Amino acid sequence: MDAWQKLDIASKVFAAILVPLAVAYVGNQVAVANKQRDSKTKFVEIAAAILSKDPTANKTPESTNFERGPWRSSTSIPEFPCCRTRKRR
């Protein structure tokens, strides 16, 4: 068996086994990338739908009180013990 016959056999093995494996791997990578892009597109659609809604449409008293919070319950600025200004003598 000479070198050309060995090269012929090696090239046939390469063509029969390695090329389909490489094509399958690249195809899988393309499918994964498409799936990720589709999921990102779906998240953007969901976010756009949420942001396009009127924020005051479904307000309940509980959500209004939560947004206002105890620190905004009155019009005056609350005085905290750690932040009082001391009178200097």
N, C-alpha and C. Protein backbone atom coordinates (compact mmCIF):
# COMPACT_ATOMS: atom_id res chain seq x y z
N MET A 1 0.85 -1.17 0.00
CA MET A 1 0.00 0.00 0.00
C MET A 1 0.89 1.24 0.00
N ASP A 2 0.68 2.08 -0.97
CA ASP A 2 1.52 3.26 -1.04
C ASP A 2 0.83 4.45 -0.35
N ALA A 3 1.52 5.59 -0.33
CA ALA A 3 1.04 6.78 0.38
C ALA A 3 -0.25 7.32 -0.23
N TRP A 4 -0.39 7.21 -1.54
CA TRP A 4 -1.58 7.74 -2.19
C TRP A 4 -2.83 6.95 -1.81
N GLN A 5 -2.69 5.67 -1.66
CA GLN A 5 -3.83 4.85 -1.25
C GLN A 5 -4.23 5.16 0.21
N LYS A 6 -3.21 5.37 1.06
CA LYS A 6 -3.50 5.74 2.44
C LYS A 6 -4.18 7.11 2.52
N LEU A 7 -3.73 8.04 1.70
CA LEU A 7 -4.35 9.36 1.65
C LEU A 7 -5.78 9.27 1.14
N ASP A 8 -6.01 8.40 0.16
CA ASP A 8 -7.35 8.21 -0.37
C ASP A 8 -8.28 7.64 0.70
N ILE A 9 -7.83 6.70 1.45
CA ILE A 9 -8.64 6.10 2.53
C ILE A 9 -8.91 7.13 3.63
N ALA A 10 -7.90 7.90 4.00
CA ALA A 10 -8.06 8.92 5.04
C ALA A 10 -9.04 10.00 4.62
N SER A 11 -8.98 10.40 3.36
CA SER A 11 -9.91 11.43 2.90
C SER A 11 -11.34 10.91 2.85
N LYS A 12 -11.53 9.64 2.53
CA LYS A 12 -12.88 9.06 2.53
C LYS A 12 -13.43 8.96 3.95
N VAL A 13 -12.57 8.61 4.90
CA VAL A 13 -13.00 8.56 6.31
C VAL A 13 -13.38 9.97 6.77
N PHE A 14 -12.55 10.93 6.41
CA PHE A 14 -12.83 12.32 6.76
C PHE A 14 -14.16 12.77 6.18
N ALA A 15 -14.39 12.47 4.93
CA ALA A 15 -15.63 12.88 4.26
C ALA A 15 -16.83 12.15 4.82
N ALA A 16 -16.68 10.91 5.22
CA ALA A 16 -17.81 10.11 5.68
C ALA A 16 -18.17 10.38 7.13
N ILE A 17 -17.20 10.74 7.97
CA ILE A 17 -17.48 10.86 9.40
C ILE A 17 -17.37 12.29 9.90
N LEU A 18 -16.26 12.94 9.64
CA LEU A 18 -16.00 14.23 10.26
C LEU A 18 -16.82 15.37 9.65
N VAL A 19 -17.05 15.37 8.38
CA VAL A 19 -17.83 16.45 7.76
C VAL A 19 -19.26 16.47 8.28
N PRO A 20 -19.98 15.34 8.33
CA PRO A 20 -21.34 15.39 8.89
C PRO A 20 -21.37 15.81 10.36
N LEU A 21 -20.35 15.40 11.14
CA LEU A 21 -20.29 15.83 12.53
C LEU A 21 -20.09 17.34 12.64
N ALA A 22 -19.24 17.89 11.80
CA ALA A 22 -19.02 19.33 11.81
C ALA A 22 -20.27 20.08 11.39
N VAL A 23 -20.97 19.57 10.40
CA VAL A 23 -22.21 20.21 9.96
C VAL A 23 -23.27 20.15 11.06
N ALA A 24 -23.35 19.02 11.75
CA ALA A 24 -24.32 18.88 12.85
C ALA A 24 -23.98 19.84 13.99
N TYR A 25 -22.70 19.97 14.31
CA TYR A 25 -22.30 20.89 15.38
C TYR A 25 -22.64 22.33 15.04
N VAL A 26 -22.31 22.75 13.84
CA VAL A 26 -22.61 24.13 13.42
C VAL A 26 -24.12 24.36 13.38
N GLY A 27 -24.86 23.38 12.91
CA GLY A 27 -26.32 23.50 12.90
C GLY A 27 -26.90 23.63 14.29
N ASN A 28 -26.35 22.89 15.24
CA ASN A 28 -26.80 22.99 16.62
C ASN A 28 -26.50 24.37 17.20
N GLN A 29 -25.33 24.90 16.91
CA GLN A 29 -24.97 26.23 17.40
C GLN A 29 -25.90 27.30 16.83
N VAL A 30 -26.27 27.16 15.57
CA VAL A 30 -27.21 28.11 14.95
C VAL A 30 -28.58 27.99 15.61
N ALA A 31 -29.01 26.77 15.91
CA ALA A 31 -30.32 26.57 16.55
C ALA A 31 -30.33 27.17 17.96
N VAL A 32 -29.25 27.01 18.70
CA VAL A 32 -29.16 27.59 20.04
C VAL A 32 -29.20 29.11 19.97
N ALA A 33 -28.47 29.69 19.03
CA ALA A 33 -28.47 31.14 18.88
C ALA A 33 -29.85 31.66 18.50
N ASN A 34 -30.54 30.96 17.62
CA ASN A 34 -31.90 31.37 17.25
C ASN A 34 -32.85 31.29 18.43
N LYS A 35 -32.71 30.26 19.25
CA LYS A 35 -33.58 30.09 20.41
C LYS A 35 -33.35 31.22 21.41
N GLN A 36 -32.10 31.59 21.65
CA GLN A 36 -31.79 32.69 22.56
C GLN A 36 -32.33 34.00 22.02
N ARG A 37 -32.19 34.23 20.74
CA ARG A 37 -32.70 35.46 20.14
C ARG A 37 -34.21 35.53 20.25
N ASP A 38 -34.89 34.39 20.04
CA ASP A 38 -36.35 34.37 20.16
C ASP A 38 -36.79 34.66 21.59
N SER A 39 -36.08 34.11 22.57
CA SER A 39 -36.46 34.36 23.96
C SER A 39 -36.22 35.82 24.33
N LYS A 40 -35.13 36.41 23.84
CA LYS A 40 -34.88 37.83 24.10
C LYS A 40 -35.96 38.69 23.46
N THR A 41 -36.38 38.32 22.25
CA THR A 41 -37.44 39.05 21.57
C THR A 41 -38.73 38.97 22.37
N LYS A 42 -39.04 37.81 22.91
CA LYS A 42 -40.25 37.65 23.71
C LYS A 42 -40.19 38.50 24.97
N PHE A 43 -39.04 38.55 25.63
CA PHE A 43 -38.90 39.39 26.82
C PHE A 43 -39.08 40.86 26.48
N VAL A 44 -38.57 41.28 25.35
CA VAL A 44 -38.74 42.68 24.93
C VAL A 44 -40.21 42.97 24.65
N GLU A 45 -40.91 42.04 24.03
CA GLU A 45 -42.33 42.22 23.77
C GLU A 45 -43.12 42.33 25.08
N ILE A 46 -42.78 41.48 26.05
CA ILE A 46 -43.46 41.53 27.34
C ILE A 46 -43.18 42.85 28.04
N ALA A 47 -41.93 43.28 28.01
CA ALA A 47 -41.57 44.55 28.65
C ALA A 47 -42.27 45.72 27.98
N ALA A 48 -42.35 45.71 26.67
CA ALA A 48 -43.03 46.79 25.95
C ALA A 48 -44.52 46.80 26.28
N ALA A 49 -45.12 45.61 26.42
CA ALA A 49 -46.53 45.55 26.77
C ALA A 49 -46.76 46.09 28.18
N ILE A 50 -45.86 45.76 29.10
CA ILE A 50 -46.00 46.25 30.47
C ILE A 50 -45.83 47.77 30.52
N LEU A 51 -44.84 48.27 29.80
CA LEU A 51 -44.57 49.71 29.84
C LEU A 51 -45.61 50.53 29.08
N SER A 52 -46.32 49.91 28.14
CA SER A 52 -47.31 50.66 27.39
C SER A 52 -48.64 50.78 28.14
N LYS A 53 -48.81 49.99 29.20
CA LYS A 53 -50.04 50.08 29.99
C LYS A 53 -50.07 51.36 30.81
N ASP A 54 -51.27 51.82 31.10
CA ASP A 54 -51.45 52.99 31.94
C ASP A 54 -51.13 52.61 33.38
N PRO A 55 -50.19 53.28 34.03
CA PRO A 55 -49.80 52.87 35.38
C PRO A 55 -50.87 53.12 36.43
N THR A 56 -51.81 54.01 36.17
CA THR A 56 -52.85 54.31 37.16
C THR A 56 -54.12 53.51 36.93
N ALA A 57 -54.14 52.61 35.97
CA ALA A 57 -55.36 51.88 35.64
C ALA A 57 -55.78 50.91 36.74
N ASN A 58 -54.86 50.21 37.35
CA ASN A 58 -55.19 49.18 38.33
C ASN A 58 -54.72 49.55 39.72
N LYS A 59 -54.85 50.80 40.11
CA LYS A 59 -54.40 51.22 41.43
C LYS A 59 -55.40 50.77 42.48
N THR A 60 -54.88 50.23 43.54
CA THR A 60 -55.70 49.89 44.69
C THR A 60 -55.26 50.78 45.84
N PRO A 61 -56.07 50.90 46.88
CA PRO A 61 -55.63 51.72 48.02
C PRO A 61 -54.33 51.19 48.65
N GLU A 62 -54.15 49.88 48.63
CA GLU A 62 -52.93 49.33 49.21
C GLU A 62 -51.70 49.73 48.40
N SER A 63 -51.82 49.68 47.07
CA SER A 63 -50.67 50.05 46.25
C SER A 63 -50.38 51.55 46.35
N THR A 64 -51.43 52.35 46.49
CA THR A 64 -51.22 53.79 46.64
C THR A 64 -50.52 54.08 47.96
N ASN A 65 -50.94 53.42 49.03
CA ASN A 65 -50.29 53.63 50.32
C ASN A 65 -48.85 53.12 50.30
N PHE A 66 -48.62 52.03 49.58
CA PHE A 66 -47.27 51.50 49.49
C PHE A 66 -46.36 52.48 48.76
N GLU A 67 -46.85 53.08 47.68
CA GLU A 67 -46.03 54.04 46.93
C GLU A 67 -45.77 55.30 47.75
N ARG A 68 -46.78 55.72 48.48
CA ARG A 68 -46.63 56.93 49.27
C ARG A 68 -45.73 56.67 50.46
N GLY A 69 -45.97 55.59 51.15
CA GLY A 69 -45.14 55.18 52.26
C GLY A 69 -45.33 56.06 53.48
N PRO A 70 -44.82 55.63 54.61
CA PRO A 70 -44.98 56.41 55.84
C PRO A 70 -44.17 57.70 55.81
N TRP A 71 -43.13 57.75 55.02
CA TRP A 71 -42.31 58.96 54.96
C TRP A 71 -42.97 60.07 54.15
N ARG A 72 -44.02 59.75 53.39
CA ARG A 72 -44.71 60.78 52.62
C ARG A 72 -46.16 60.95 53.07
N SER A 73 -46.48 60.52 54.26
CA SER A 73 -47.86 60.57 54.70
C SER A 73 -48.29 61.99 55.05
N SER A 74 -47.36 62.85 55.35
CA SER A 74 -47.72 64.23 55.66
C SER A 74 -46.92 65.15 54.76
N THR A 75 -47.31 66.41 54.80
CA THR A 75 -46.63 67.38 53.95
C THR A 75 -45.36 67.91 54.59
N SER A 76 -45.23 67.74 55.91
CA SER A 76 -44.03 68.25 56.56
C SER A 76 -42.91 67.22 56.47
N ILE A 77 -41.72 67.70 56.58
CA ILE A 77 -40.56 66.82 56.52
C ILE A 77 -40.39 66.19 57.90
N PRO A 78 -40.30 64.89 57.97
CA PRO A 78 -40.16 64.24 59.28
C PRO A 78 -38.81 64.56 59.91
N GLU A 79 -38.80 64.56 61.22
CA GLU A 79 -37.57 64.86 61.93
C GLU A 79 -37.08 63.59 62.59
N PHE A 80 -35.89 63.19 62.28
CA PHE A 80 -35.31 61.99 62.83
C PHE A 80 -34.32 62.36 63.92
N PRO A 81 -34.23 61.56 64.97
CA PRO A 81 -33.32 61.90 66.08
C PRO A 81 -31.87 62.04 65.64
N CYS A 82 -31.46 61.28 64.68
CA CYS A 82 -30.06 61.33 64.27
C CYS A 82 -29.75 62.56 63.42
N CYS A 83 -30.78 63.19 62.90
CA CYS A 83 -30.55 64.28 61.97
C CYS A 83 -30.98 65.65 62.51
N ARG A 84 -31.31 65.75 63.79
CA ARG A 84 -31.75 67.03 64.35
C ARG A 84 -30.59 68.01 64.37
N THR A 85 -30.93 69.21 64.08
CA THR A 85 -29.90 70.24 64.17
C THR A 85 -29.88 70.74 65.61
N ARG A 86 -28.73 70.83 66.16
CA ARG A 86 -28.59 71.29 67.54
C ARG A 86 -28.31 72.77 67.57
N LYS A 87 -28.87 73.39 68.55
CA LYS A 87 -28.61 74.81 68.70
C LYS A 87 -27.25 74.97 69.37
N ARG A 88 -26.48 75.84 68.82
CA ARG A 88 -25.15 76.09 69.40
C ARG A 88 -25.26 77.23 70.40
N ARG A 89 -24.53 77.14 71.46
CA ARG A 89 -24.58 78.17 72.49
C ARG A 89 -23.62 79.28 72.23
